[in-house]
All heavy atoms as atom14 arrays in JSON, in Angstrom:
{
  "sequence": "FVFISIAKQYKEPKIIIAPKNITYQWKDELLSEDI",
  "atom14_mask": [
    [1, 1, 1, 1, 1, 1, 1, 1, 1, 1, 1, 0, 0, 0],
    [1, 1, 1, 1, 1, 1, 1, 0, 0, 0, 0, 0, 0, 0],
    [1, 1, 1, 1, 1, 1, 1, 1, 1, 1, 1, 0, 0, 0],
    [1, 1, 1, 1, 1, 1, 1, 1, 0, 0, 0, 0, 0, 0],
    [1, 1, 1, 1, 1, 1, 0, 0, 0, 0, 0, 0, 0, 0],
    [1, 1, 1, 1, 1, 1, 1, 1, 0, 0, 0, 0, 0, 0],
    [1, 1, 1, 1, 1, 0, 0, 0, 0, 0, 0, 0, 0, 0],
    [1, 1, 1, 1, 1, 1, 1, 1, 1, 0, 0, 0, 0, 0],
    [1, 1, 1, 1, 1, 1, 1, 1, 1, 0, 0, 0, 0, 0],
    [1, 1, 1, 1, 1, 1, 1, 1, 1, 1, 1, 1, 0, 0],
    [1, 1, 1, 1, 1, 1, 1, 1, 1, 0, 0, 0, 0, 0],
    [1, 1, 1, 1, 1, 1, 1, 1, 1, 0, 0, 0, 0, 0],
    [1, 1, 1, 1, 1, 1, 1, 0, 0, 0, 0, 0, 0, 0],
    [1, 1, 1, 1, 1, 1, 1, 1, 1, 0, 0, 0, 0, 0],
    [1, 1, 1, 1, 1, 1, 1, 1, 0, 0, 0, 0, 0, 0],
    [1, 1, 1, 1, 1, 1, 1, 1, 0, 0, 0, 0, 0, 0],
    [1, 1, 1, 1, 1, 1, 1, 1, 0, 0, 0, 0, 0, 0],
    [1, 1, 1, 1, 1, 0, 0, 0, 0, 0, 0, 0, 0, 0],
    [1, 1, 1, 1, 1, 1, 1, 0, 0, 0, 0, 0, 0, 0],
    [1, 1, 1, 1, 1, 1, 1, 1, 1, 0, 0, 0, 0, 0],
    [1, 1, 1, 1, 1, 1, 1, 1, 0, 0, 0, 0, 0, 0],
    [1, 1, 1, 1, 1, 1, 1, 1, 0, 0, 0, 0, 0, 0],
    [1, 1, 1, 1, 1, 1, 1, 0, 0, 0, 0, 0, 0, 0],
    [1, 1, 1, 1, 1, 1, 1, 1, 1, 1, 1, 1, 0, 0],
    [1, 1, 1, 1, 1, 1, 1, 1, 1, 0, 0, 0, 0, 0],
    [1, 1, 1, 1, 1, 1, 1, 1, 1, 1, 1, 1, 1, 1],
    [1, 1, 1, 1, 1, 1, 1, 1, 1, 0, 0, 0, 0, 0],
    [1, 1, 1, 1, 1, 1, 1, 1, 0, 0, 0, 0, 0, 0],
    [1, 1, 1, 1, 1, 1, 1, 1, 1, 0, 0, 0, 0, 0],
    [1, 1, 1, 1, 1, 1, 1, 1, 0, 0, 0, 0, 0, 0],
    [1, 1, 1, 1, 1, 1, 1, 1, 0, 0, 0, 0, 0, 0],
    [1, 1, 1, 1, 1, 1, 0, 0, 0, 0, 0, 0, 0, 0],
    [1, 1, 1, 1, 1, 1, 1, 1, 1, 0, 0, 0, 0, 0],
    [1, 1, 1, 1, 1, 1, 1, 1, 0, 0, 0, 0, 0, 0],
    [1, 1, 1, 1, 1, 1, 1, 1, 0, 0, 0, 0, 0, 0]
  ],
  "atom14_positions": [
    [[104.65, 90.34, 106.11], [104.45, 90.46, 107.55], [105.5, 89.73, 108.36], [106.0, 90.26, 109.37], [103.03, 89.96, 107.91], [102.78, 89.81, 109.38], [102.69, 90.87, 110.18], [102.69, 88.51, 109.93], [102.44, 90.73, 111.6], [102.48, 88.34, 111.28], [102.37, 89.43, 112.13], [0.0, 0.0, 0.0], [0.0, 0.0, 0.0], [0.0, 0.0, 0.0]],
    [[105.82, 88.53, 107.95], [106.85, 87.71, 108.64], [108.19, 88.42, 108.57], [108.92, 88.56, 109.55], [106.91, 86.3, 108.1], [108.07, 85.55, 108.74], [105.6, 85.58, 108.31], [0.0, 0.0, 0.0], [0.0, 0.0, 0.0], [0.0, 0.0, 0.0], [0.0, 0.0, 0.0], [0.0, 0.0, 0.0], [0.0, 0.0, 0.0], [0.0, 0.0, 0.0]],
    [[108.53, 88.91, 107.36], [109.8, 89.62, 107.18], [109.86, 90.79, 108.16], [110.9, 91.02, 108.84], [109.88, 90.16, 105.78], [110.61, 89.26, 104.79], [110.14, 89.15, 103.51], [111.78, 88.58, 105.15], [110.82, 88.34, 102.6], [112.41, 87.77, 104.25], [111.96, 87.67, 102.94], [0.0, 0.0, 0.0], [0.0, 0.0, 0.0], [0.0, 0.0, 0.0]],
    [[108.8, 91.59, 108.25], [108.81, 92.77, 109.08], [108.87, 92.4, 110.56], [109.65, 93.01, 111.31], [107.54, 93.64, 108.81], [107.61, 94.2, 107.38], [107.43, 94.76, 109.87], [106.31, 94.88, 106.94], [0.0, 0.0, 0.0], [0.0, 0.0, 0.0], [0.0, 0.0, 0.0], [0.0, 0.0, 0.0], [0.0, 0.0, 0.0], [0.0, 0.0, 0.0]],
    [[108.14, 91.35, 110.94], [108.19, 90.93, 112.31], [109.59, 90.49, 112.78], [110.02, 90.76, 113.9], [107.19, 89.75, 112.55], [105.87, 90.17, 112.27], [0.0, 0.0, 0.0], [0.0, 0.0, 0.0], [0.0, 0.0, 0.0], [0.0, 0.0, 0.0], [0.0, 0.0, 0.0], [0.0, 0.0, 0.0], [0.0, 0.0, 0.0], [0.0, 0.0, 0.0]],
    [[110.29, 89.85, 111.85], [111.68, 89.48, 112.15], [112.6, 90.67, 112.12], [113.42, 90.87, 113.01], [112.15, 88.4, 111.11], [111.32, 87.13, 111.25], [113.65, 88.12, 111.29], [111.54, 86.12, 110.13], [0.0, 0.0, 0.0], [0.0, 0.0, 0.0], [0.0, 0.0, 0.0], [0.0, 0.0, 0.0], [0.0, 0.0, 0.0], [0.0, 0.0, 0.0]],
    [[112.47, 91.51, 111.13], [113.34, 92.66, 110.97], [113.26, 93.59, 112.18], [114.27, 94.19, 112.59], [112.99, 93.46, 109.67], [0.0, 0.0, 0.0], [0.0, 0.0, 0.0], [0.0, 0.0, 0.0], [0.0, 0.0, 0.0], [0.0, 0.0, 0.0], [0.0, 0.0, 0.0], [0.0, 0.0, 0.0], [0.0, 0.0, 0.0], [0.0, 0.0, 0.0]],
    [[112.11, 93.72, 112.77], [111.93, 94.59, 113.95], [112.81, 94.14, 115.1], [113.09, 94.96, 116.01], [110.46, 94.62, 114.37], [109.6, 95.44, 113.39], [108.1, 95.18, 113.62], [107.64, 95.7, 114.92], [106.15, 95.57, 115.07], [0.0, 0.0, 0.0], [0.0, 0.0, 0.0], [0.0, 0.0, 0.0], [0.0, 0.0, 0.0], [0.0, 0.0, 0.0]],
    [[113.25, 92.9, 115.12], [114.09, 92.41, 116.22], [115.56, 92.75, 116.06], [116.35, 92.52, 116.97], [113.93, 90.86, 116.34], [112.52, 90.36, 116.33], [111.68, 90.97, 117.45], [112.12, 91.07, 118.58], [110.47, 91.38, 117.09], [0.0, 0.0, 0.0], [0.0, 0.0, 0.0], [0.0, 0.0, 0.0], [0.0, 0.0, 0.0], [0.0, 0.0, 0.0]],
    [[115.91, 93.27, 114.91], [117.33, 93.64, 114.65], [117.48, 95.16, 114.76], [116.66, 95.92, 114.27], [117.7, 93.24, 113.23], [117.8, 91.75, 112.98], [116.65, 90.97, 112.87], [119.07, 91.11, 112.86], [116.73, 89.62, 112.65], [119.16, 89.74, 112.66], [117.98, 88.99, 112.55], [118.08, 87.66, 112.34], [0.0, 0.0, 0.0], [0.0, 0.0, 0.0]],
    [[118.56, 95.57, 115.43], [118.8, 96.98, 115.65], [119.39, 97.64, 114.41], [119.36, 98.88, 114.24], [119.69, 97.19, 116.84], [121.14, 96.7, 116.69], [121.96, 97.0, 117.92], [123.39, 96.61, 117.75], [123.62, 95.16, 117.42], [0.0, 0.0, 0.0], [0.0, 0.0, 0.0], [0.0, 0.0, 0.0], [0.0, 0.0, 0.0], [0.0, 0.0, 0.0]],
    [[119.98, 96.87, 113.5], [120.64, 97.38, 112.33], [119.63, 98.0, 111.36], [118.48, 97.49, 111.21], [121.4, 96.28, 111.58], [122.66, 95.8, 112.31], [122.35, 94.86, 113.45], [121.2, 94.44, 113.6], [123.29, 94.56, 114.22], [0.0, 0.0, 0.0], [0.0, 0.0, 0.0], [0.0, 0.0, 0.0], [0.0, 0.0, 0.0], [0.0, 0.0, 0.0]],
    [[119.99, 99.1, 110.65], [119.14, 99.63, 109.59], [118.92, 98.59, 108.48], [119.74, 97.69, 108.28], [119.98, 100.83, 109.04], [120.93, 101.18, 110.14], [121.23, 99.88, 110.82], [0.0, 0.0, 0.0], [0.0, 0.0, 0.0], [0.0, 0.0, 0.0], [0.0, 0.0, 0.0], [0.0, 0.0, 0.0], [0.0, 0.0, 0.0], [0.0, 0.0, 0.0]],
    [[117.8, 98.7, 107.8], [117.4, 97.7, 106.83], [117.37, 98.3, 105.44], [116.96, 99.45, 105.24], [116.04, 97.14, 107.15], [115.98, 96.25, 108.38], [115.79, 97.07, 109.6], [115.7, 96.2, 110.88], [115.85, 97.02, 112.11], [0.0, 0.0, 0.0], [0.0, 0.0, 0.0], [0.0, 0.0, 0.0], [0.0, 0.0, 0.0], [0.0, 0.0, 0.0]],
    [[117.84, 97.5, 104.44], [117.64, 97.81, 103.05], [116.73, 96.79, 102.46], [117.05, 95.57, 102.45], [118.98, 97.85, 102.29], [119.94, 98.9, 102.85], [118.72, 98.1, 100.77], [121.31, 98.89, 102.21], [0.0, 0.0, 0.0], [0.0, 0.0, 0.0], [0.0, 0.0, 0.0], [0.0, 0.0, 0.0], [0.0, 0.0, 0.0], [0.0, 0.0, 0.0]],
    [[115.54, 97.21, 102.01], [114.52, 96.27, 101.47], [114.56, 96.41, 99.95], [114.29, 97.49, 99.42], [113.15, 96.56, 102.06], [113.18, 96.37, 103.56], [112.11, 95.67, 101.4], [111.99, 96.97, 104.27], [0.0, 0.0, 0.0], [0.0, 0.0, 0.0], [0.0, 0.0, 0.0], [0.0, 0.0, 0.0], [0.0, 0.0, 0.0], [0.0, 0.0, 0.0]],
    [[114.88, 95.34, 99.27], [114.92, 95.33, 97.79], [113.71, 94.56, 97.34], [113.5, 93.39, 97.67], [116.22, 94.62, 97.3], [117.46, 95.27, 97.9], [116.28, 94.66, 95.79], [118.73, 94.52, 97.63], [0.0, 0.0, 0.0], [0.0, 0.0, 0.0], [0.0, 0.0, 0.0], [0.0, 0.0, 0.0], [0.0, 0.0, 0.0], [0.0, 0.0, 0.0]],
    [[112.9, 95.22, 96.55], [111.63, 94.61, 96.05], [111.33, 95.13, 94.66], [111.72, 96.26, 94.29], [110.47, 94.92, 96.98], [0.0, 0.0, 0.0], [0.0, 0.0, 0.0], [0.0, 0.0, 0.0], [0.0, 0.0, 0.0], [0.0, 0.0, 0.0], [0.0, 0.0, 0.0], [0.0, 0.0, 0.0], [0.0, 0.0, 0.0], [0.0, 0.0, 0.0]],
    [[110.6, 94.38, 93.84], [110.18, 94.92, 92.53], [109.46, 96.25, 92.7], [108.75, 96.46, 93.67], [109.24, 93.8, 92.01], [109.72, 92.57, 92.66], [110.15, 92.98, 94.02], [0.0, 0.0, 0.0], [0.0, 0.0, 0.0], [0.0, 0.0, 0.0], [0.0, 0.0, 0.0], [0.0, 0.0, 0.0], [0.0, 0.0, 0.0], [0.0, 0.0, 0.0]],
    [[109.67, 97.11, 91.72], [109.16, 98.48, 91.83], [107.65, 98.55, 92.1], [107.2, 99.4, 92.86], [109.46, 99.25, 90.56], [109.1, 100.72, 90.57], [109.59, 101.48, 89.39], [109.18, 102.92, 89.43], [109.61, 103.64, 90.62], [0.0, 0.0, 0.0], [0.0, 0.0, 0.0], [0.0, 0.0, 0.0], [0.0, 0.0, 0.0], [0.0, 0.0, 0.0]],
    [[106.89, 97.59, 91.51], [105.46, 97.71, 91.69], [104.95, 97.4, 93.1], [103.78, 97.59, 93.43], [104.72, 96.77, 90.67], [105.03, 95.32, 90.93], [106.21, 94.91, 91.11], [104.01, 94.45, 90.94], [0.0, 0.0, 0.0], [0.0, 0.0, 0.0], [0.0, 0.0, 0.0], [0.0, 0.0, 0.0], [0.0, 0.0, 0.0], [0.0, 0.0, 0.0]],
    [[105.84, 96.9, 93.95], [105.42, 96.59, 95.39], [106.19, 97.4, 96.4], [106.04, 97.15, 97.61], [105.44, 95.09, 95.67], [106.86, 94.55, 95.58], [104.51, 94.33, 94.79], [106.99, 93.13, 96.11], [0.0, 0.0, 0.0], [0.0, 0.0, 0.0], [0.0, 0.0, 0.0], [0.0, 0.0, 0.0], [0.0, 0.0, 0.0], [0.0, 0.0, 0.0]],
    [[106.99, 98.37, 95.98], [107.74, 99.12, 96.98], [106.82, 99.89, 97.93], [107.1, 99.92, 99.16], [108.72, 100.1, 96.32], [108.02, 100.92, 95.38], [109.85, 99.36, 95.59], [0.0, 0.0, 0.0], [0.0, 0.0, 0.0], [0.0, 0.0, 0.0], [0.0, 0.0, 0.0], [0.0, 0.0, 0.0], [0.0, 0.0, 0.0], [0.0, 0.0, 0.0]],
    [[105.75, 100.47, 97.41], [104.88, 101.23, 98.3], [103.94, 100.27, 99.11], [103.47, 100.66, 100.16], [104.06, 102.26, 97.52], [104.88, 103.51, 97.29], [105.67, 103.63, 96.15], [104.96, 104.5, 98.28], [106.47, 104.77, 95.98], [105.73, 105.63, 98.1], [106.51, 105.77, 96.91], [107.31, 106.88, 96.75], [0.0, 0.0, 0.0], [0.0, 0.0, 0.0]],
    [[103.7, 99.07, 98.61], [103.05, 98.06, 99.44], [103.88, 97.77, 100.68], [103.36, 97.59, 101.77], [102.81, 96.77, 98.65], [101.79, 96.94, 97.53], [101.58, 95.64, 96.75], [101.72, 94.54, 97.3], [101.31, 95.74, 95.46], [0.0, 0.0, 0.0], [0.0, 0.0, 0.0], [0.0, 0.0, 0.0], [0.0, 0.0, 0.0], [0.0, 0.0, 0.0]],
    [[105.2, 97.66, 100.49], [106.08, 97.51, 101.61], [105.97, 98.61, 102.63], [105.9, 98.4, 103.81], [107.53, 97.35, 101.14], [108.03, 95.97, 101.03], [108.03, 95.17, 99.89], [108.57, 95.17, 102.06], [108.53, 93.95, 100.18], [108.88, 93.91, 101.53], [108.8, 95.35, 103.41], [109.42, 92.86, 102.26], [109.38, 94.32, 104.18], [109.66, 93.08, 103.58]],
    [[105.93, 99.82, 102.11], [105.76, 100.99, 103.03], [104.46, 100.86, 103.82], [104.46, 101.07, 105.05], [105.82, 102.29, 102.25], [105.65, 103.53, 103.16], [105.72, 104.81, 102.4], [105.59, 105.99, 103.36], [105.63, 107.29, 102.65], [0.0, 0.0, 0.0], [0.0, 0.0, 0.0], [0.0, 0.0, 0.0], [0.0, 0.0, 0.0], [0.0, 0.0, 0.0]],
    [[103.38, 100.55, 103.12], [102.09, 100.42, 103.79], [102.12, 99.34, 104.85], [101.57, 99.51, 105.96], [101.0, 100.11, 102.77], [100.7, 101.27, 101.85], [101.1, 102.42, 102.2], [100.09, 101.04, 100.78], [0.0, 0.0, 0.0], [0.0, 0.0, 0.0], [0.0, 0.0, 0.0], [0.0, 0.0, 0.0], [0.0, 0.0, 0.0], [0.0, 0.0, 0.0]],
    [[102.8, 98.23, 104.55], [102.89, 97.14, 105.54], [103.72, 97.56, 106.76], [103.37, 97.24, 107.9], [103.52, 95.91, 104.87], [102.62, 95.18, 103.88], [101.88, 94.04, 104.51], [101.88, 93.92, 105.76], [101.27, 93.28, 103.77], [0.0, 0.0, 0.0], [0.0, 0.0, 0.0], [0.0, 0.0, 0.0], [0.0, 0.0, 0.0], [0.0, 0.0, 0.0]],
    [[104.77, 98.29, 106.52], [105.59, 98.78, 107.68], [104.77, 99.72, 108.55], [104.82, 99.65, 109.74], [106.85, 99.5, 107.13], [107.94, 98.62, 106.52], [108.96, 99.49, 105.74], [108.67, 97.85, 107.62], [0.0, 0.0, 0.0], [0.0, 0.0, 0.0], [0.0, 0.0, 0.0], [0.0, 0.0, 0.0], [0.0, 0.0, 0.0], [0.0, 0.0, 0.0]],
    [[104.02, 100.6, 107.92], [103.18, 101.57, 108.67], [102.13, 100.82, 109.46], [101.83, 101.16, 110.63], [102.53, 102.58, 107.71], [103.46, 103.55, 107.03], [102.69, 104.37, 105.98], [104.09, 104.48, 108.08], [0.0, 0.0, 0.0], [0.0, 0.0, 0.0], [0.0, 0.0, 0.0], [0.0, 0.0, 0.0], [0.0, 0.0, 0.0], [0.0, 0.0, 0.0]],
    [[101.57, 99.73, 108.87], [100.55, 98.97, 109.56], [101.08, 98.22, 110.79], [100.36, 97.83, 111.67], [99.88, 97.98, 108.6], [100.74, 96.92, 108.27], [0.0, 0.0, 0.0], [0.0, 0.0, 0.0], [0.0, 0.0, 0.0], [0.0, 0.0, 0.0], [0.0, 0.0, 0.0], [0.0, 0.0, 0.0], [0.0, 0.0, 0.0], [0.0, 0.0, 0.0]],
    [[102.41, 98.06, 110.77], [103.08, 97.36, 111.91], [103.73, 98.4, 112.89], [104.67, 98.07, 113.62], [104.12, 96.37, 111.46], [103.51, 95.18, 110.74], [102.52, 94.43, 111.63], [102.82, 94.14, 112.77], [101.4, 94.18, 111.14], [0.0, 0.0, 0.0], [0.0, 0.0, 0.0], [0.0, 0.0, 0.0], [0.0, 0.0, 0.0], [0.0, 0.0, 0.0]],
    [[103.21, 99.62, 112.83], [103.55, 100.65, 113.78], [105.0, 101.16, 113.56], [105.61, 101.69, 114.54], [103.32, 100.26, 115.22], [101.86, 100.05, 115.55], [101.01, 100.64, 114.83], [101.56, 99.33, 116.5], [0.0, 0.0, 0.0], [0.0, 0.0, 0.0], [0.0, 0.0, 0.0], [0.0, 0.0, 0.0], [0.0, 0.0, 0.0], [0.0, 0.0, 0.0]],
    [[105.56, 101.04, 112.39], [106.87, 101.66, 112.12], [106.6, 103.12, 111.76], [105.81, 103.39, 110.85], [107.58, 100.96, 110.91], [107.75, 99.46, 111.21], [108.9, 101.59, 110.65], [108.57, 99.1, 112.36], [0.0, 0.0, 0.0], [0.0, 0.0, 0.0], [0.0, 0.0, 0.0], [0.0, 0.0, 0.0], [0.0, 0.0, 0.0], [0.0, 0.0, 0.0]]
  ]
}
């Protein structure tokens, strides 16, 4: 959540590198923050 809150303040595209088992958790978190 903190990562996403910070990332939203940057206009640059983001590359998020995470272990495979949590990649879709990242997607869910982004969606929950109105991305």
